[in-house]
Amino acid sequence: MVKIKKMLILILCILVCFLIQTSLLPYFSLAGIVPNVMLILVVSYAYIVGQKEGMLLGFFVGFLMDLFCGELIGPYALFYTYIGYFSGFFHFIYYTEIIILPLILIVGLDFVFNMGIYVMFFLLRNRLDFGFYFSHIIVPEMIYTLAVGVFLYKLLHMVLGHTKPEISEGGM
């Protein structure tokens, strides 16, 4: 019963974040830039629970983004899977009171995510104006995602912090 409750909470978080990112935040875009709420969700969850679960969530979130928002099936699933895996590395130094590390992860991985998007969707299509993309897309999105991430991480931590898997008393 507890696992079902945790799974339902996670599914609800995914759906709410997806709806916020695709339906609500475009109305609050700044110069056409929208914060990456799904990245905040994946980083937060992987940081709280670990690599395997972070990878799985990253894949499903990325696949959802591919289905509804992407031009191709697969790139977002791949990027979010890597983001979940990498964020899960820091699970071992997870402390509930420290917020700076997940925010650094959110900003750094948003940069990596946008670089991957640039390479896959622009550079391979011979659109080489990296300076414009960096100054008008990557940096503003990183700042906007960080600003939203400060508040959303705390909220996700309250909701998802209770879905952390229990450690058995008999060892590993």
N, C-alpha and C. Protein backbone atom coordinates (compact mmCIF):
# COMPACT_ATOMS: atom_id res chain seq x y z
N MET A 1 0.81 -1.20 0.00
CA MET A 1 0.00 0.00 0.00
C MET A 1 0.86 1.26 0.00
N VAL A 2 1.98 1.21 0.74
CA VAL A 2 2.86 2.37 0.82
C VAL A 2 3.51 2.63 -0.53
N LYS A 3 3.92 1.57 -1.25
CA LYS A 3 4.55 1.75 -2.56
C LYS A 3 3.58 2.33 -3.57
N ILE A 4 2.33 1.91 -3.49
CA ILE A 4 1.32 2.44 -4.40
C ILE A 4 1.10 3.93 -4.12
N LYS A 5 1.06 4.29 -2.86
CA LYS A 5 0.89 5.69 -2.49
C LYS A 5 2.07 6.53 -3.00
N LYS A 6 3.29 6.03 -2.84
CA LYS A 6 4.47 6.75 -3.33
C LYS A 6 4.44 6.90 -4.84
N MET A 7 4.02 5.84 -5.53
CA MET A 7 3.94 5.88 -6.98
C MET A 7 2.88 6.88 -7.44
N LEU A 8 1.75 6.91 -6.77
CA LEU A 8 0.70 7.86 -7.13
C LEU A 8 1.14 9.30 -6.89
N ILE A 9 1.86 9.53 -5.81
CA ILE A 9 2.39 10.87 -5.53
C ILE A 9 3.36 11.29 -6.64
N LEU A 10 4.22 10.38 -7.06
CA LEU A 10 5.18 10.68 -8.11
C LEU A 10 4.48 10.95 -9.44
N ILE A 11 3.50 10.14 -9.79
CA ILE A 11 2.75 10.35 -11.03
C ILE A 11 2.03 11.69 -11.00
N LEU A 12 1.46 12.02 -9.86
CA LEU A 12 0.78 13.31 -9.73
C LEU A 12 1.77 14.46 -9.89
N CYS A 13 2.96 14.33 -9.30
CA CYS A 13 4.00 15.36 -9.45
C CYS A 13 4.41 15.52 -10.91
N ILE A 14 4.56 14.40 -11.61
CA ILE A 14 4.92 14.44 -13.04
C ILE A 14 3.85 15.17 -13.83
N LEU A 15 2.61 14.80 -13.62
CA LEU A 15 1.51 15.42 -14.37
C LEU A 15 1.38 16.90 -14.06
N VAL A 16 1.49 17.27 -12.79
CA VAL A 16 1.38 18.68 -12.42
C VAL A 16 2.53 19.49 -13.03
N CYS A 17 3.75 18.98 -12.92
CA CYS A 17 4.91 19.69 -13.50
C CYS A 17 4.80 19.78 -15.02
N PHE A 18 4.33 18.71 -15.65
CA PHE A 18 4.16 18.73 -17.10
C PHE A 18 3.13 19.77 -17.51
N LEU A 19 2.01 19.80 -16.81
CA LEU A 19 0.97 20.78 -17.13
C LEU A 19 1.44 22.21 -16.86
N ILE A 20 2.20 22.39 -15.79
CA ILE A 20 2.74 23.73 -15.50
C ILE A 20 3.69 24.15 -16.62
N GLN A 21 4.58 23.25 -17.03
CA GLN A 21 5.56 23.59 -18.06
C GLN A 21 4.93 23.85 -19.42
N THR A 22 3.96 23.04 -19.79
CA THR A 22 3.42 23.16 -21.14
C THR A 22 2.20 24.07 -21.25
N SER A 23 1.47 24.26 -20.17
CA SER A 23 0.23 25.03 -20.26
C SER A 23 0.28 26.38 -19.56
N LEU A 24 0.86 26.42 -18.39
CA LEU A 24 0.82 27.64 -17.59
C LEU A 24 2.02 28.56 -17.84
N LEU A 25 3.23 28.01 -17.82
CA LEU A 25 4.43 28.84 -17.92
C LEU A 25 4.61 29.56 -19.25
N PRO A 26 4.09 29.06 -20.39
CA PRO A 26 4.21 29.88 -21.60
C PRO A 26 3.55 31.27 -21.47
N TYR A 27 2.58 31.41 -20.58
CA TYR A 27 1.98 32.71 -20.35
C TYR A 27 2.87 33.62 -19.52
N PHE A 28 3.83 33.05 -18.84
CA PHE A 28 4.76 33.82 -18.01
C PHE A 28 6.17 33.82 -18.59
N SER A 29 6.29 33.60 -19.88
CA SER A 29 7.61 33.57 -20.50
C SER A 29 8.21 34.97 -20.52
N LEU A 30 9.50 35.02 -20.36
CA LEU A 30 10.24 36.26 -20.44
C LEU A 30 11.10 36.20 -21.69
N ALA A 31 10.79 37.05 -22.65
CA ALA A 31 11.49 37.08 -23.94
C ALA A 31 11.44 35.71 -24.62
N GLY A 32 10.33 35.01 -24.45
CA GLY A 32 10.16 33.70 -25.07
C GLY A 32 10.83 32.57 -24.32
N ILE A 33 11.36 32.84 -23.15
CA ILE A 33 12.06 31.83 -22.36
C ILE A 33 11.15 31.33 -21.24
N VAL A 34 11.10 30.01 -21.09
CA VAL A 34 10.29 29.36 -20.07
C VAL A 34 11.23 28.51 -19.21
N PRO A 35 11.07 28.54 -17.88
CA PRO A 35 11.93 27.69 -17.05
C PRO A 35 11.66 26.21 -17.29
N ASN A 36 12.67 25.41 -17.09
CA ASN A 36 12.57 23.97 -17.33
C ASN A 36 12.13 23.26 -16.05
N VAL A 37 10.84 23.21 -15.84
CA VAL A 37 10.27 22.62 -14.63
C VAL A 37 10.50 21.11 -14.59
N MET A 38 10.47 20.47 -15.73
CA MET A 38 10.68 19.02 -15.77
C MET A 38 12.11 18.67 -15.35
N LEU A 39 13.06 19.51 -15.71
CA LEU A 39 14.44 19.30 -15.28
C LEU A 39 14.55 19.45 -13.76
N ILE A 40 13.86 20.42 -13.21
CA ILE A 40 13.87 20.61 -11.76
C ILE A 40 13.29 19.37 -11.07
N LEU A 41 12.22 18.83 -11.63
CA LEU A 41 11.61 17.62 -11.07
C LEU A 41 12.58 16.44 -11.11
N VAL A 42 13.22 16.22 -12.24
CA VAL A 42 14.13 15.08 -12.38
C VAL A 42 15.34 15.23 -11.46
N VAL A 43 15.93 16.41 -11.43
CA VAL A 43 17.09 16.64 -10.57
C VAL A 43 16.71 16.47 -9.10
N SER A 44 15.60 17.03 -8.71
CA SER A 44 15.16 16.94 -7.31
C SER A 44 14.90 15.50 -6.91
N TYR A 45 14.17 14.78 -7.73
CA TYR A 45 13.83 13.40 -7.40
C TYR A 45 15.07 12.51 -7.36
N ALA A 46 15.94 12.65 -8.36
CA ALA A 46 17.15 11.83 -8.39
C ALA A 46 18.06 12.16 -7.21
N TYR A 47 18.14 13.42 -6.85
CA TYR A 47 18.95 13.84 -5.71
C TYR A 47 18.41 13.26 -4.41
N ILE A 48 17.10 13.16 -4.30
CA ILE A 48 16.48 12.65 -3.08
C ILE A 48 16.56 11.13 -3.00
N VAL A 49 16.28 10.42 -4.11
CA VAL A 49 16.15 8.96 -4.01
C VAL A 49 17.29 8.16 -4.64
N GLY A 50 18.05 8.70 -5.58
CA GLY A 50 19.18 7.96 -6.12
C GLY A 50 19.17 7.81 -7.64
N GLN A 51 20.21 7.11 -8.13
CA GLN A 51 20.46 7.02 -9.56
C GLN A 51 19.41 6.22 -10.33
N LYS A 52 19.12 5.01 -9.89
CA LYS A 52 18.20 4.17 -10.65
C LYS A 52 16.84 4.81 -10.81
N GLU A 53 16.30 5.27 -9.69
CA GLU A 53 14.99 5.90 -9.73
C GLU A 53 15.03 7.20 -10.53
N GLY A 54 16.13 7.95 -10.41
CA GLY A 54 16.30 9.17 -11.17
C GLY A 54 16.36 8.93 -12.66
N MET A 55 17.07 7.86 -13.04
CA MET A 55 17.12 7.50 -14.46
C MET A 55 15.75 7.13 -14.99
N LEU A 56 15.03 6.31 -14.24
CA LEU A 56 13.69 5.90 -14.68
C LEU A 56 12.76 7.10 -14.82
N LEU A 57 12.77 7.96 -13.82
CA LEU A 57 11.93 9.15 -13.91
C LEU A 57 12.37 10.02 -15.08
N GLY A 58 13.68 10.19 -15.25
CA GLY A 58 14.19 10.98 -16.36
C GLY A 58 13.75 10.43 -17.70
N PHE A 59 13.79 9.11 -17.85
CA PHE A 59 13.36 8.52 -19.11
C PHE A 59 11.87 8.78 -19.35
N PHE A 60 11.04 8.54 -18.35
CA PHE A 60 9.61 8.72 -18.54
C PHE A 60 9.23 10.19 -18.77
N VAL A 61 9.87 11.08 -18.03
CA VAL A 61 9.61 12.51 -18.23
C VAL A 61 10.07 12.93 -19.63
N GLY A 62 11.25 12.48 -20.03
CA GLY A 62 11.76 12.82 -21.35
C GLY A 62 10.90 12.24 -22.46
N PHE A 63 10.43 11.03 -22.27
CA PHE A 63 9.56 10.41 -23.27
C PHE A 63 8.24 11.17 -23.37
N LEU A 64 7.73 11.61 -22.23
CA LEU A 64 6.51 12.42 -22.21
C LEU A 64 6.73 13.72 -22.97
N MET A 65 7.87 14.35 -22.75
CA MET A 65 8.19 15.59 -23.46
C MET A 65 8.38 15.33 -24.96
N ASP A 66 9.00 14.20 -25.31
CA ASP A 66 9.15 13.85 -26.72
C ASP A 66 7.79 13.67 -27.39
N LEU A 67 6.89 12.98 -26.71
CA LEU A 67 5.57 12.71 -27.30
C LEU A 67 4.76 13.98 -27.53
N PHE A 68 4.80 14.89 -26.59
CA PHE A 68 3.91 16.04 -26.67
C PHE A 68 4.58 17.31 -27.17
N CYS A 69 5.89 17.43 -27.04
CA CYS A 69 6.54 18.70 -27.36
C CYS A 69 7.69 18.58 -28.35
N GLY A 70 8.18 17.38 -28.60
CA GLY A 70 9.38 17.23 -29.41
C GLY A 70 9.10 17.00 -30.88
N GLU A 71 10.12 17.26 -31.67
CA GLU A 71 10.05 16.99 -33.09
C GLU A 71 10.35 15.52 -33.38
N LEU A 72 11.19 14.93 -32.55
CA LEU A 72 11.60 13.53 -32.69
C LEU A 72 11.27 12.79 -31.41
N ILE A 73 11.19 11.48 -31.51
CA ILE A 73 11.02 10.65 -30.31
C ILE A 73 12.40 10.19 -29.88
N GLY A 74 12.81 10.55 -28.68
CA GLY A 74 14.06 10.04 -28.15
C GLY A 74 15.04 11.03 -27.58
N PRO A 75 15.24 12.22 -28.19
CA PRO A 75 16.28 13.10 -27.64
C PRO A 75 16.02 13.55 -26.21
N TYR A 76 14.81 13.98 -25.92
CA TYR A 76 14.52 14.43 -24.56
C TYR A 76 14.59 13.26 -23.58
N ALA A 77 14.14 12.10 -24.00
CA ALA A 77 14.23 10.92 -23.12
C ALA A 77 15.70 10.63 -22.80
N LEU A 78 16.56 10.73 -23.78
CA LEU A 78 17.98 10.49 -23.57
C LEU A 78 18.58 11.54 -22.64
N PHE A 79 18.31 12.80 -22.90
CA PHE A 79 18.88 13.88 -22.08
C PHE A 79 18.40 13.78 -20.64
N TYR A 80 17.10 13.60 -20.44
CA TYR A 80 16.57 13.54 -19.08
C TYR A 80 17.04 12.27 -18.35
N THR A 81 17.26 11.18 -19.08
CA THR A 81 17.78 9.96 -18.46
C THR A 81 19.19 10.22 -17.92
N TYR A 82 20.03 10.86 -18.72
CA TYR A 82 21.38 11.20 -18.25
C TYR A 82 21.34 12.17 -17.08
N ILE A 83 20.43 13.12 -17.13
CA ILE A 83 20.30 14.09 -16.05
C ILE A 83 19.91 13.39 -14.75
N GLY A 84 18.95 12.46 -14.84
CA GLY A 84 18.54 11.71 -13.65
C GLY A 84 19.66 10.85 -13.10
N TYR A 85 20.42 10.23 -14.00
CA TYR A 85 21.53 9.38 -13.57
C TYR A 85 22.60 10.21 -12.88
N PHE A 86 22.99 11.33 -13.50
CA PHE A 86 24.05 12.16 -12.94
C PHE A 86 23.62 12.79 -11.61
N SER A 87 22.38 13.25 -11.52
CA SER A 87 21.89 13.84 -10.27
C SER A 87 21.86 12.82 -9.15
N GLY A 88 21.61 11.57 -9.49
CA GLY A 88 21.55 10.51 -8.50
C GLY A 88 22.89 10.24 -7.84
N PHE A 89 24.00 10.62 -8.50
CA PHE A 89 25.32 10.47 -7.89
C PHE A 89 25.42 11.21 -6.57
N PHE A 90 24.73 12.32 -6.48
CA PHE A 90 24.82 13.18 -5.30
C PHE A 90 23.85 12.79 -4.21
N HIS A 91 23.13 11.72 -4.43
CA HIS A 91 22.19 11.21 -3.43
C HIS A 91 22.91 10.85 -2.13
N PHE A 92 24.14 10.41 -2.23
CA PHE A 92 24.89 9.98 -1.05
C PHE A 92 25.28 11.13 -0.14
N ILE A 93 25.24 12.35 -0.66
CA ILE A 93 25.52 13.51 0.19
C ILE A 93 24.26 14.35 0.35
N TYR A 94 23.13 13.69 0.34
CA TYR A 94 21.83 14.34 0.47
C TYR A 94 21.58 14.74 1.92
N TYR A 95 21.35 16.02 2.13
CA TYR A 95 20.97 16.55 3.43
C TYR A 95 19.72 17.40 3.23
N THR A 96 18.77 17.24 4.12
CA THR A 96 17.50 17.94 3.95
C THR A 96 17.64 19.44 4.09
N GLU A 97 18.58 19.92 4.88
CA GLU A 97 18.65 21.34 5.10
C GLU A 97 19.47 22.09 4.05
N ILE A 98 20.26 21.40 3.27
CA ILE A 98 21.13 22.05 2.29
C ILE A 98 20.40 22.17 0.96
N ILE A 99 20.26 23.40 0.50
CA ILE A 99 19.56 23.64 -0.76
C ILE A 99 20.54 24.05 -1.87
N ILE A 100 21.75 24.43 -1.53
CA ILE A 100 22.68 24.96 -2.53
C ILE A 100 23.12 23.90 -3.54
N LEU A 101 23.38 22.68 -3.09
CA LEU A 101 23.83 21.64 -4.02
C LEU A 101 22.78 21.30 -5.07
N PRO A 102 21.51 21.09 -4.70
CA PRO A 102 20.53 20.83 -5.77
C PRO A 102 20.36 22.02 -6.71
N LEU A 103 20.52 23.23 -6.21
CA LEU A 103 20.41 24.39 -7.09
C LEU A 103 21.59 24.47 -8.06
N ILE A 104 22.77 24.12 -7.57
CA ILE A 104 23.94 24.06 -8.46
C ILE A 104 23.73 22.98 -9.51
N LEU A 105 23.19 21.84 -9.09
CA LEU A 105 22.88 20.77 -10.05
C LEU A 105 21.86 21.23 -11.08
N ILE A 106 20.84 21.93 -10.64
CA ILE A 106 19.80 22.40 -11.56
C ILE A 106 20.39 23.35 -12.59
N VAL A 107 21.19 24.31 -12.16
CA VAL A 107 21.78 25.27 -13.09
C VAL A 107 22.78 24.57 -14.02
N GLY A 108 23.66 23.76 -13.45
CA GLY A 108 24.67 23.09 -14.27
C GLY A 108 24.06 22.12 -15.28
N LEU A 109 23.07 21.36 -14.84
CA LEU A 109 22.45 20.40 -15.75
C LEU A 109 21.52 21.08 -16.75
N ASP A 110 20.99 22.25 -16.40
CA ASP A 110 20.22 23.01 -17.39
C ASP A 110 21.15 23.49 -18.50
N PHE A 111 22.37 23.89 -18.13
CA PHE A 111 23.36 24.28 -19.13
C PHE A 111 23.70 23.09 -20.03
N VAL A 112 23.97 21.94 -19.42
CA VAL A 112 24.31 20.73 -20.20
C VAL A 112 23.14 20.34 -21.09
N PHE A 113 21.92 20.39 -20.56
CA PHE A 113 20.72 20.07 -21.33
C PHE A 113 20.60 20.98 -22.55
N ASN A 114 20.76 22.29 -22.34
CA ASN A 114 20.64 23.22 -23.46
C ASN A 114 21.78 23.07 -24.47
N MET A 115 22.96 22.70 -24.00
CA MET A 115 24.06 22.42 -24.93
C MET A 115 23.73 21.20 -25.79
N GLY A 116 23.16 20.18 -25.16
CA GLY A 116 22.73 19.00 -25.92
C GLY A 116 21.66 19.34 -26.94
N ILE A 117 20.72 20.18 -26.55
CA ILE A 117 19.67 20.62 -27.47
C ILE A 117 20.29 21.41 -28.62
N TYR A 118 21.25 22.27 -28.31
CA TYR A 118 21.92 23.05 -29.35
C TYR A 118 22.62 22.13 -30.35
N VAL A 119 23.37 21.17 -29.84
CA VAL A 119 24.10 20.27 -30.72
C VAL A 119 23.13 19.44 -31.56
N MET A 120 22.12 18.87 -30.93
CA MET A 120 21.22 17.98 -31.65
C MET A 120 20.30 18.70 -32.63
N PHE A 121 19.77 19.82 -32.25
CA PHE A 121 18.75 20.47 -33.07
C PHE A 121 19.26 21.66 -33.89
N PHE A 122 20.41 22.22 -33.55
CA PHE A 122 20.89 23.38 -34.28
C PHE A 122 22.22 23.12 -34.98
N LEU A 123 23.21 22.66 -34.24
CA LEU A 123 24.54 22.47 -34.82
C LEU A 123 24.52 21.43 -35.93
N LEU A 124 23.81 20.34 -35.74
CA LEU A 124 23.74 19.30 -36.77
C LEU A 124 22.95 19.75 -37.99
N ARG A 125 22.21 20.83 -37.86
CA ARG A 125 21.47 21.40 -39.00
C ARG A 125 22.17 22.63 -39.57
N ASN A 126 23.45 22.77 -39.22
CA ASN A 126 24.32 23.83 -39.72
C ASN A 126 23.86 25.23 -39.30
N ARG A 127 23.25 25.34 -38.15
CA ARG A 127 22.93 26.65 -37.57
C ARG A 127 24.01 26.94 -36.53
N LEU A 128 24.97 27.74 -36.92
CA LEU A 128 26.21 27.86 -36.16
C LEU A 128 26.31 29.10 -35.28
N ASP A 129 25.26 29.85 -35.11
CA ASP A 129 25.33 31.08 -34.32
C ASP A 129 25.23 30.76 -32.83
N PHE A 130 26.31 30.19 -32.27
CA PHE A 130 26.31 29.78 -30.88
C PHE A 130 26.23 30.97 -29.93
N GLY A 131 26.87 32.06 -30.27
CA GLY A 131 26.84 33.24 -29.40
C GLY A 131 25.42 33.74 -29.17
N PHE A 132 24.65 33.78 -30.21
CA PHE A 132 23.25 34.20 -30.08
C PHE A 132 22.47 33.21 -29.23
N TYR A 133 22.64 31.92 -29.51
CA TYR A 133 21.91 30.90 -28.75
C TYR A 133 22.31 30.92 -27.27
N PHE A 134 23.59 31.11 -27.02
CA PHE A 134 24.07 31.15 -25.64
C PHE A 134 23.52 32.36 -24.88
N SER A 135 23.60 33.53 -25.49
CA SER A 135 23.20 34.74 -24.78
C SER A 135 21.69 34.96 -24.74
N HIS A 136 20.96 34.42 -25.72
CA HIS A 136 19.52 34.66 -25.77
C HIS A 136 18.67 33.48 -25.32
N ILE A 137 19.24 32.30 -25.24
CA ILE A 137 18.46 31.11 -24.84
C ILE A 137 19.05 30.47 -23.58
N ILE A 138 20.31 30.07 -23.62
CA ILE A 138 20.90 29.27 -22.53
C ILE A 138 20.98 30.06 -21.24
N VAL A 139 21.61 31.22 -21.25
CA VAL A 139 21.80 31.98 -20.01
C VAL A 139 20.46 32.45 -19.42
N PRO A 140 19.56 33.03 -20.21
CA PRO A 140 18.28 33.42 -19.60
C PRO A 140 17.49 32.24 -19.05
N GLU A 141 17.52 31.10 -19.74
CA GLU A 141 16.80 29.94 -19.22
C GLU A 141 17.43 29.43 -17.94
N MET A 142 18.76 29.45 -17.85
CA MET A 142 19.42 29.02 -16.62
C MET A 142 19.00 29.92 -15.46
N ILE A 143 18.97 31.21 -15.67
CA ILE A 143 18.60 32.15 -14.60
C ILE A 143 17.13 31.95 -14.21
N TYR A 144 16.26 31.84 -15.20
CA TYR A 144 14.83 31.66 -14.94
C TYR A 144 14.57 30.32 -14.25
N THR A 145 15.24 29.27 -14.69
CA THR A 145 15.09 27.96 -14.06
C THR A 145 15.60 27.97 -12.63
N LEU A 146 16.70 28.68 -12.40
CA LEU A 146 17.21 28.80 -11.03
C LEU A 146 16.22 29.52 -10.13
N ALA A 147 15.65 30.61 -10.62
CA ALA A 147 14.69 31.37 -9.82
C ALA A 147 13.47 30.53 -9.47
N VAL A 148 12.96 29.79 -10.43
CA VAL A 148 11.82 28.92 -10.17
C VAL A 148 12.26 27.71 -9.33
N GLY A 149 13.47 27.24 -9.56
CA GLY A 149 14.00 26.08 -8.85
C GLY A 149 14.13 26.29 -7.36
N VAL A 150 14.42 27.51 -6.93
CA VAL A 150 14.54 27.80 -5.50
C VAL A 150 13.24 27.44 -4.78
N PHE A 151 12.13 27.85 -5.37
CA PHE A 151 10.84 27.60 -4.73
C PHE A 151 10.33 26.18 -5.01
N LEU A 152 10.49 25.73 -6.24
CA LEU A 152 9.96 24.43 -6.62
C LEU A 152 10.71 23.28 -5.95
N TYR A 153 12.02 23.43 -5.75
CA TYR A 153 12.77 22.38 -5.08
C TYR A 153 12.27 22.18 -3.66
N LYS A 154 12.04 23.28 -2.96
CA LYS A 154 11.53 23.17 -1.59
C LYS A 154 10.17 22.48 -1.57
N LEU A 155 9.30 22.83 -2.50
CA LEU A 155 7.99 22.20 -2.59
C LEU A 155 8.11 20.71 -2.94
N LEU A 156 8.94 20.40 -3.93
CA LEU A 156 9.13 19.00 -4.31
C LEU A 156 9.80 18.21 -3.19
N HIS A 157 10.68 18.86 -2.45
CA HIS A 157 11.33 18.18 -1.33
C HIS A 157 10.31 17.80 -0.26
N MET A 158 9.37 18.70 -0.01
CA MET A 158 8.33 18.39 0.97
C MET A 158 7.45 17.23 0.50
N VAL A 159 7.13 17.22 -0.79
CA VAL A 159 6.24 16.18 -1.33
C VAL A 159 6.99 14.88 -1.58
N LEU A 160 8.13 14.96 -2.25
CA LEU A 160 8.87 13.75 -2.65
C LEU A 160 9.81 13.24 -1.58
N GLY A 161 10.13 14.05 -0.61
CA GLY A 161 11.04 13.62 0.45
C GLY A 161 10.47 12.44 1.22
N HIS A 162 9.17 12.31 1.23
CA HIS A 162 8.51 11.20 1.92
C HIS A 162 8.43 9.95 1.07
N THR A 163 8.84 10.06 -0.21
CA THR A 163 8.83 8.88 -1.09
C THR A 163 10.18 8.21 -1.15
N LYS A 164 11.11 8.66 -0.33
CA LYS A 164 12.45 8.09 -0.31
C LYS A 164 12.38 6.63 0.13
N PRO A 165 13.04 5.71 -0.59
CA PRO A 165 12.98 4.30 -0.20
C PRO A 165 13.58 4.06 1.18
N GLU A 166 12.96 3.16 1.90
CA GLU A 166 13.45 2.85 3.24
C GLU A 166 14.66 1.93 3.15
N ILE A 167 15.61 2.11 4.06
CA ILE A 167 16.80 1.26 4.13
C ILE A 167 16.50 0.15 5.13
N SER A 168 16.77 -1.07 4.71
CA SER A 168 16.48 -2.19 5.61
C SER A 168 17.49 -2.20 6.75
N GLU A 169 17.08 -2.72 7.88
CA GLU A 169 17.93 -2.73 9.06
C GLU A 169 18.98 -3.84 8.99
N GLY A 170 18.81 -4.80 8.11
CA GLY A 170 19.71 -5.93 8.04
C GLY A 170 20.97 -5.67 7.24
N GLY A 171 21.20 -4.45 6.82
CA GLY A 171 22.40 -4.14 6.05
C GLY A 171 22.01 -3.49 4.75
N MET A 172 22.80 -3.74 3.71
CA MET A 172 22.55 -3.12 2.42
C MET A 172 21.50 -3.89 1.75
